[in-house]
Amino acid sequence: MSGSKEDLIKYRIARAKDTLDDAHILADKEKWNSAINRLYYAGYYAVIALLLSVDLKPTTHNGAKSNFSEYFIKTGKIDKDSGKIFSQLFTWRQKGDYDDLFDFQKDKVLPYFEPVKKLISEVEKFLAG
């Protein structure tokens, strides 16, 4: 798929919102590990849209997290709390996906819905200029 940078950014924001919806569906079914995964990816797609806007194209999830922190959190362009949320979800997504005998519970997962929604909104606001 090739398109303009703007098309790609819009696509990533749309993916972020769709993926947040997926997280809600999974939470309704009490699939907590999968919900954490989707919450992380909702944030990840928003972060990638942001990075694309300044011509950064990290090739790894760790690269995306580092670039986000360096160019947007440390500079104050995006709220520090959003950086912390994304960083925590990055760690938890890895735990949920790769660690044996590790399961998330409702009380850990539900508090992350609003902050991820806020992160997506914050990114959209930044992109709108």
N, C-alpha and C. Protein backbone atom coordinates (compact mmCIF):
# COMPACT_ATOMS: atom_id res chain seq x y z
N MET A 1 0.84 -1.19 0.00
CA MET A 1 0.00 0.00 0.00
C MET A 1 0.88 1.23 0.00
N SER A 2 0.66 2.09 -0.95
CA SER A 2 1.39 3.35 -0.92
C SER A 2 0.38 4.48 -0.91
N GLY A 3 0.72 5.49 -0.20
CA GLY A 3 -0.14 6.66 -0.10
C GLY A 3 0.69 7.80 0.43
N SER A 4 0.07 8.94 0.56
CA SER A 4 0.80 10.09 1.08
C SER A 4 1.05 9.90 2.57
N LYS A 5 1.94 10.71 3.09
CA LYS A 5 2.23 10.66 4.52
C LYS A 5 0.93 10.94 5.29
N GLU A 6 0.14 11.89 4.83
CA GLU A 6 -1.12 12.24 5.49
C GLU A 6 -2.09 11.05 5.50
N ASP A 7 -2.14 10.32 4.39
CA ASP A 7 -3.01 9.14 4.31
C ASP A 7 -2.58 8.09 5.34
N LEU A 8 -1.29 7.89 5.45
CA LEU A 8 -0.76 6.90 6.38
C LEU A 8 -1.04 7.31 7.84
N ILE A 9 -0.89 8.59 8.12
CA ILE A 9 -1.17 9.10 9.47
C ILE A 9 -2.65 8.90 9.80
N LYS A 10 -3.53 9.25 8.87
CA LYS A 10 -4.98 9.06 9.08
C LYS A 10 -5.32 7.59 9.30
N TYR A 11 -4.67 6.73 8.52
CA TYR A 11 -4.88 5.29 8.64
C TYR A 11 -4.49 4.79 10.03
N ARG A 12 -3.34 5.25 10.52
CA ARG A 12 -2.87 4.83 11.84
C ARG A 12 -3.80 5.32 12.95
N ILE A 13 -4.32 6.53 12.82
CA ILE A 13 -5.26 7.04 13.83
C ILE A 13 -6.55 6.21 13.80
N ALA A 14 -7.02 5.90 12.61
CA ALA A 14 -8.23 5.05 12.48
C ALA A 14 -7.98 3.68 13.10
N ARG A 15 -6.80 3.12 12.87
CA ARG A 15 -6.44 1.82 13.47
C ARG A 15 -6.41 1.92 14.99
N ALA A 16 -5.88 3.02 15.50
CA ALA A 16 -5.81 3.23 16.95
C ALA A 16 -7.23 3.18 17.55
N LYS A 17 -8.15 3.88 16.92
CA LYS A 17 -9.53 3.93 17.43
C LYS A 17 -10.23 2.58 17.30
N ASP A 18 -10.04 1.90 16.18
CA ASP A 18 -10.63 0.56 15.99
C ASP A 18 -10.08 -0.42 17.02
N THR A 19 -8.79 -0.32 17.27
CA THR A 19 -8.14 -1.25 18.19
C THR A 19 -8.60 -0.99 19.63
N LEU A 20 -8.86 0.27 19.96
CA LEU A 20 -9.42 0.60 21.27
C LEU A 20 -10.82 -0.02 21.39
N ASP A 21 -11.60 0.03 20.32
CA ASP A 21 -12.92 -0.63 20.31
C ASP A 21 -12.77 -2.14 20.54
N ASP A 22 -11.77 -2.73 19.88
CA ASP A 22 -11.51 -4.17 20.07
C ASP A 22 -11.20 -4.47 21.54
N ALA A 23 -10.44 -3.60 22.18
CA ALA A 23 -10.10 -3.80 23.60
C ALA A 23 -11.36 -3.80 24.46
N HIS A 24 -12.30 -2.91 24.14
CA HIS A 24 -13.58 -2.88 24.87
C HIS A 24 -14.34 -4.20 24.71
N ILE A 25 -14.38 -4.71 23.49
CA ILE A 25 -15.08 -5.98 23.21
C ILE A 25 -14.44 -7.12 24.03
N LEU A 26 -13.12 -7.16 24.04
CA LEU A 26 -12.41 -8.20 24.78
C LEU A 26 -12.63 -8.06 26.29
N ALA A 27 -12.64 -6.82 26.78
CA ALA A 27 -12.88 -6.59 28.22
C ALA A 27 -14.29 -7.04 28.60
N ASP A 28 -15.25 -6.77 27.72
CA ASP A 28 -16.63 -7.20 27.98
C ASP A 28 -16.71 -8.72 28.13
N LYS A 29 -15.81 -9.42 27.45
CA LYS A 29 -15.77 -10.89 27.52
C LYS A 29 -14.76 -11.38 28.57
N GLU A 30 -14.20 -10.42 29.33
CA GLU A 30 -13.23 -10.72 30.39
C GLU A 30 -11.97 -11.42 29.88
N LYS A 31 -11.56 -11.04 28.69
CA LYS A 31 -10.31 -11.55 28.08
C LYS A 31 -9.22 -10.50 28.38
N TRP A 32 -8.72 -10.50 29.62
CA TRP A 32 -7.88 -9.42 30.10
C TRP A 32 -6.52 -9.34 29.43
N ASN A 33 -5.84 -10.46 29.19
CA ASN A 33 -4.53 -10.42 28.52
C ASN A 33 -4.69 -9.86 27.10
N SER A 34 -5.73 -10.30 26.41
CA SER A 34 -5.96 -9.81 25.05
C SER A 34 -6.36 -8.34 25.07
N ALA A 35 -7.11 -7.93 26.08
CA ALA A 35 -7.50 -6.51 26.19
C ALA A 35 -6.26 -5.63 26.39
N ILE A 36 -5.32 -6.08 27.23
CA ILE A 36 -4.06 -5.32 27.43
C ILE A 36 -3.31 -5.22 26.11
N ASN A 37 -3.25 -6.31 25.37
CA ASN A 37 -2.58 -6.32 24.07
C ASN A 37 -3.21 -5.27 23.16
N ARG A 38 -4.52 -5.26 23.08
CA ARG A 38 -5.21 -4.30 22.20
C ARG A 38 -5.06 -2.86 22.69
N LEU A 39 -5.06 -2.66 24.02
CA LEU A 39 -4.85 -1.31 24.56
C LEU A 39 -3.45 -0.81 24.17
N TYR A 40 -2.47 -1.70 24.30
CA TYR A 40 -1.11 -1.31 23.90
C TYR A 40 -1.09 -0.93 22.41
N TYR A 41 -1.67 -1.79 21.58
CA TYR A 41 -1.63 -1.51 20.14
C TYR A 41 -2.42 -0.26 19.76
N ALA A 42 -3.49 0.04 20.47
CA ALA A 42 -4.23 1.29 20.22
C ALA A 42 -3.29 2.47 20.45
N GLY A 43 -2.56 2.43 21.55
CA GLY A 43 -1.58 3.48 21.84
C GLY A 43 -0.44 3.48 20.83
N TYR A 44 0.02 2.30 20.48
CA TYR A 44 1.13 2.16 19.53
C TYR A 44 0.78 2.79 18.17
N TYR A 45 -0.41 2.50 17.66
CA TYR A 45 -0.80 3.07 16.36
C TYR A 45 -0.86 4.59 16.42
N ALA A 46 -1.35 5.13 17.54
CA ALA A 46 -1.39 6.58 17.70
C ALA A 46 0.02 7.16 17.74
N VAL A 47 0.91 6.48 18.48
CA VAL A 47 2.31 6.93 18.58
C VAL A 47 2.98 6.88 17.21
N ILE A 48 2.72 5.83 16.45
CA ILE A 48 3.32 5.72 15.10
C ILE A 48 2.81 6.86 14.21
N ALA A 49 1.54 7.20 14.30
CA ALA A 49 1.00 8.33 13.53
C ALA A 49 1.76 9.61 13.88
N LEU A 50 1.99 9.80 15.15
CA LEU A 50 2.72 10.97 15.64
C LEU A 50 4.14 11.00 15.10
N LEU A 51 4.82 9.86 15.18
CA LEU A 51 6.20 9.79 14.71
C LEU A 51 6.28 10.01 13.20
N LEU A 52 5.32 9.46 12.47
CA LEU A 52 5.29 9.67 11.02
C LEU A 52 5.17 11.15 10.67
N SER A 53 4.44 11.88 11.51
CA SER A 53 4.22 13.30 11.25
C SER A 53 5.52 14.11 11.26
N VAL A 54 6.53 13.59 11.94
CA VAL A 54 7.84 14.26 11.97
C VAL A 54 8.91 13.42 11.26
N ASP A 55 8.43 12.56 10.36
CA ASP A 55 9.31 11.75 9.51
C ASP A 55 10.19 10.76 10.26
N LEU A 56 9.71 10.26 11.39
CA LEU A 56 10.41 9.20 12.11
C LEU A 56 9.70 7.89 11.80
N LYS A 57 10.50 6.88 11.45
CA LYS A 57 9.93 5.57 11.11
C LYS A 57 10.68 4.46 11.84
N PRO A 58 10.41 4.32 13.14
CA PRO A 58 11.12 3.27 13.88
C PRO A 58 10.76 1.89 13.35
N THR A 59 11.70 0.98 13.44
CA THR A 59 11.48 -0.37 12.90
C THR A 59 11.14 -1.38 14.00
N THR A 60 11.21 -0.94 15.26
CA THR A 60 10.87 -1.83 16.37
C THR A 60 9.91 -1.13 17.33
N HIS A 61 9.26 -1.91 18.16
CA HIS A 61 8.37 -1.34 19.18
C HIS A 61 9.20 -0.53 20.18
N ASN A 62 10.38 -1.04 20.52
CA ASN A 62 11.25 -0.32 21.44
C ASN A 62 11.69 1.01 20.83
N GLY A 63 11.96 1.00 19.54
CA GLY A 63 12.33 2.23 18.83
C GLY A 63 11.20 3.25 18.87
N ALA A 64 9.98 2.77 18.69
CA ALA A 64 8.82 3.66 18.75
C ALA A 64 8.70 4.28 20.14
N LYS A 65 8.87 3.45 21.16
CA LYS A 65 8.77 3.93 22.55
C LYS A 65 9.86 4.97 22.82
N SER A 66 11.09 4.69 22.39
CA SER A 66 12.22 5.62 22.60
C SER A 66 12.02 6.93 21.86
N ASN A 67 11.61 6.85 20.59
CA ASN A 67 11.37 8.06 19.80
C ASN A 67 10.25 8.89 20.39
N PHE A 68 9.19 8.25 20.81
CA PHE A 68 8.04 8.93 21.43
C PHE A 68 8.51 9.69 22.66
N SER A 69 9.28 9.02 23.49
CA SER A 69 9.78 9.65 24.71
C SER A 69 10.70 10.83 24.38
N GLU A 70 11.65 10.60 23.51
CA GLU A 70 12.65 11.62 23.20
C GLU A 70 12.07 12.85 22.51
N TYR A 71 11.22 12.64 21.51
CA TYR A 71 10.75 13.75 20.70
C TYR A 71 9.43 14.38 21.16
N PHE A 72 8.68 13.65 21.97
CA PHE A 72 7.37 14.18 22.34
C PHE A 72 7.12 14.30 23.84
N ILE A 73 7.64 13.38 24.64
CA ILE A 73 7.41 13.43 26.08
C ILE A 73 8.41 14.38 26.74
N LYS A 74 9.69 14.15 26.49
CA LYS A 74 10.73 14.98 27.11
C LYS A 74 10.65 16.43 26.67
N THR A 75 10.11 16.69 25.49
CA THR A 75 9.99 18.06 24.99
C THR A 75 8.68 18.73 25.44
N GLY A 76 7.81 17.96 26.09
CA GLY A 76 6.57 18.53 26.59
C GLY A 76 5.47 18.70 25.55
N LYS A 77 5.69 18.15 24.35
CA LYS A 77 4.66 18.26 23.30
C LYS A 77 3.46 17.37 23.61
N ILE A 78 3.73 16.26 24.29
CA ILE A 78 2.68 15.33 24.72
C ILE A 78 2.85 15.15 26.23
N ASP A 79 1.72 15.07 26.93
CA ASP A 79 1.70 14.97 28.38
C ASP A 79 2.53 13.80 28.90
N LYS A 80 3.28 14.06 29.96
CA LYS A 80 4.14 13.05 30.59
C LYS A 80 3.35 11.80 31.00
N ASP A 81 2.12 12.00 31.48
CA ASP A 81 1.29 10.86 31.90
C ASP A 81 1.03 9.91 30.73
N SER A 82 0.84 10.46 29.54
CA SER A 82 0.63 9.61 28.36
C SER A 82 1.88 8.79 28.07
N GLY A 83 3.03 9.36 28.29
CA GLY A 83 4.29 8.63 28.12
C GLY A 83 4.40 7.48 29.10
N LYS A 84 4.01 7.74 30.35
CA LYS A 84 4.06 6.70 31.38
C LYS A 84 3.09 5.56 31.05
N ILE A 85 1.89 5.93 30.62
CA ILE A 85 0.86 4.93 30.27
C ILE A 85 1.37 4.05 29.13
N PHE A 86 1.91 4.68 28.09
CA PHE A 86 2.39 3.92 26.94
C PHE A 86 3.53 2.99 27.35
N SER A 87 4.43 3.50 28.17
CA SER A 87 5.56 2.69 28.64
C SER A 87 5.08 1.49 29.46
N GLN A 88 4.10 1.72 30.34
CA GLN A 88 3.57 0.63 31.16
C GLN A 88 2.89 -0.42 30.28
N LEU A 89 2.10 0.03 29.32
CA LEU A 89 1.41 -0.91 28.42
C LEU A 89 2.41 -1.69 27.58
N PHE A 90 3.49 -1.05 27.18
CA PHE A 90 4.55 -1.72 26.42
C PHE A 90 5.08 -2.92 27.23
N THR A 91 5.37 -2.67 28.51
CA THR A 91 5.88 -3.73 29.40
C THR A 91 4.84 -4.81 29.60
N TRP A 92 3.62 -4.41 29.88
CA TRP A 92 2.56 -5.38 30.15
C TRP A 92 2.19 -6.19 28.93
N ARG A 93 2.19 -5.57 27.77
CA ARG A 93 1.88 -6.31 26.54
C ARG A 93 2.89 -7.44 26.38
N GLN A 94 4.16 -7.15 26.64
CA GLN A 94 5.18 -8.19 26.52
C GLN A 94 4.97 -9.29 27.56
N LYS A 95 4.65 -8.90 28.78
CA LYS A 95 4.38 -9.87 29.85
C LYS A 95 3.19 -10.75 29.46
N GLY A 96 2.10 -10.12 29.05
CA GLY A 96 0.88 -10.85 28.71
C GLY A 96 1.06 -11.77 27.51
N ASP A 97 1.88 -11.34 26.55
CA ASP A 97 2.08 -12.13 25.34
C ASP A 97 3.13 -13.24 25.51
N TYR A 98 4.14 -12.98 26.33
CA TYR A 98 5.29 -13.89 26.33
C TYR A 98 5.55 -14.63 27.64
N ASP A 99 5.08 -14.11 28.77
CA ASP A 99 5.36 -14.79 30.04
C ASP A 99 4.36 -15.91 30.29
N ASP A 100 4.88 -17.04 30.77
CA ASP A 100 4.01 -18.15 31.14
C ASP A 100 3.37 -17.89 32.49
N LEU A 101 2.18 -18.42 32.67
CA LEU A 101 1.48 -18.35 33.94
C LEU A 101 1.32 -16.92 34.45
N PHE A 102 1.05 -16.01 33.54
CA PHE A 102 0.82 -14.62 33.91
C PHE A 102 -0.52 -14.19 33.33
N ASP A 103 -1.42 -13.77 34.20
CA ASP A 103 -2.73 -13.34 33.73
C ASP A 103 -3.12 -12.02 34.35
N PHE A 104 -3.60 -11.13 33.52
CA PHE A 104 -4.11 -9.84 34.00
C PHE A 104 -5.50 -10.03 34.57
N GLN A 105 -5.87 -9.15 35.46
CA GLN A 105 -7.19 -9.15 36.05
C GLN A 105 -7.89 -7.83 35.74
N LYS A 106 -9.19 -7.85 35.88
CA LYS A 106 -10.04 -6.70 35.59
C LYS A 106 -9.53 -5.40 36.23
N ASP A 107 -9.16 -5.46 37.51
CA ASP A 107 -8.76 -4.24 38.23
C ASP A 107 -7.48 -3.62 37.68
N LYS A 108 -6.64 -4.41 37.02
CA LYS A 108 -5.42 -3.90 36.39
C LYS A 108 -5.71 -3.29 35.02
N VAL A 109 -6.65 -3.87 34.31
CA VAL A 109 -6.89 -3.51 32.91
C VAL A 109 -7.83 -2.30 32.76
N LEU A 110 -8.94 -2.31 33.44
CA LEU A 110 -9.96 -1.27 33.25
C LEU A 110 -9.45 0.17 33.43
N PRO A 111 -8.56 0.44 34.39
CA PRO A 111 -8.09 1.82 34.54
C PRO A 111 -7.30 2.36 33.35
N TYR A 112 -6.93 1.51 32.40
CA TYR A 112 -6.13 1.96 31.26
C TYR A 112 -6.96 2.42 30.06
N PHE A 113 -8.25 2.16 30.06
CA PHE A 113 -9.07 2.56 28.92
C PHE A 113 -9.10 4.07 28.73
N GLU A 114 -9.39 4.81 29.78
CA GLU A 114 -9.47 6.27 29.65
C GLU A 114 -8.13 6.89 29.25
N PRO A 115 -7.02 6.51 29.91
CA PRO A 115 -5.73 7.09 29.51
C PRO A 115 -5.34 6.79 28.05
N VAL A 116 -5.69 5.62 27.54
CA VAL A 116 -5.37 5.30 26.13
C VAL A 116 -6.24 6.17 25.21
N LYS A 117 -7.50 6.33 25.58
CA LYS A 117 -8.40 7.21 24.81
C LYS A 117 -7.85 8.64 24.81
N LYS A 118 -7.34 9.08 25.96
CA LYS A 118 -6.77 10.42 26.10
C LYS A 118 -5.51 10.55 25.23
N LEU A 119 -4.68 9.51 25.22
CA LEU A 119 -3.47 9.53 24.40
C LEU A 119 -3.83 9.71 22.92
N ILE A 120 -4.81 8.96 22.46
CA ILE A 120 -5.24 9.07 21.05
C ILE A 120 -5.74 10.48 20.77
N SER A 121 -6.55 11.03 21.68
CA SER A 121 -7.06 12.40 21.51
C SER A 121 -5.93 13.42 21.49
N GLU A 122 -4.98 13.23 22.39
CA GLU A 122 -3.84 14.14 22.47
C GLU A 122 -3.03 14.13 21.16
N VAL A 123 -2.84 12.94 20.63
CA VAL A 123 -2.12 12.81 19.35
C VAL A 123 -2.90 13.51 18.24
N GLU A 124 -4.21 13.29 18.21
CA GLU A 124 -5.04 13.93 17.19
C GLU A 124 -4.95 15.46 17.28
N LYS A 125 -4.99 15.96 18.51
CA LYS A 125 -4.89 17.41 18.73
C LYS A 125 -3.55 17.93 18.22
N PHE A 126 -2.47 17.23 18.54
CA PHE A 126 -1.15 17.62 18.10
C PHE A 126 -1.07 17.63 16.57
N LEU A 127 -1.60 16.58 15.95
CA LEU A 127 -1.55 16.46 14.50
C LEU A 127 -2.38 17.55 13.80
N ALA A 128 -3.44 17.99 14.47
CA ALA A 128 -4.31 19.03 13.90
C ALA A 128 -3.61 20.40 13.95
N GLY A 129 -2.54 20.46 14.75
CA GLY A 129 -1.77 21.69 14.82
C GLY A 129 -2.35 22.65 15.81
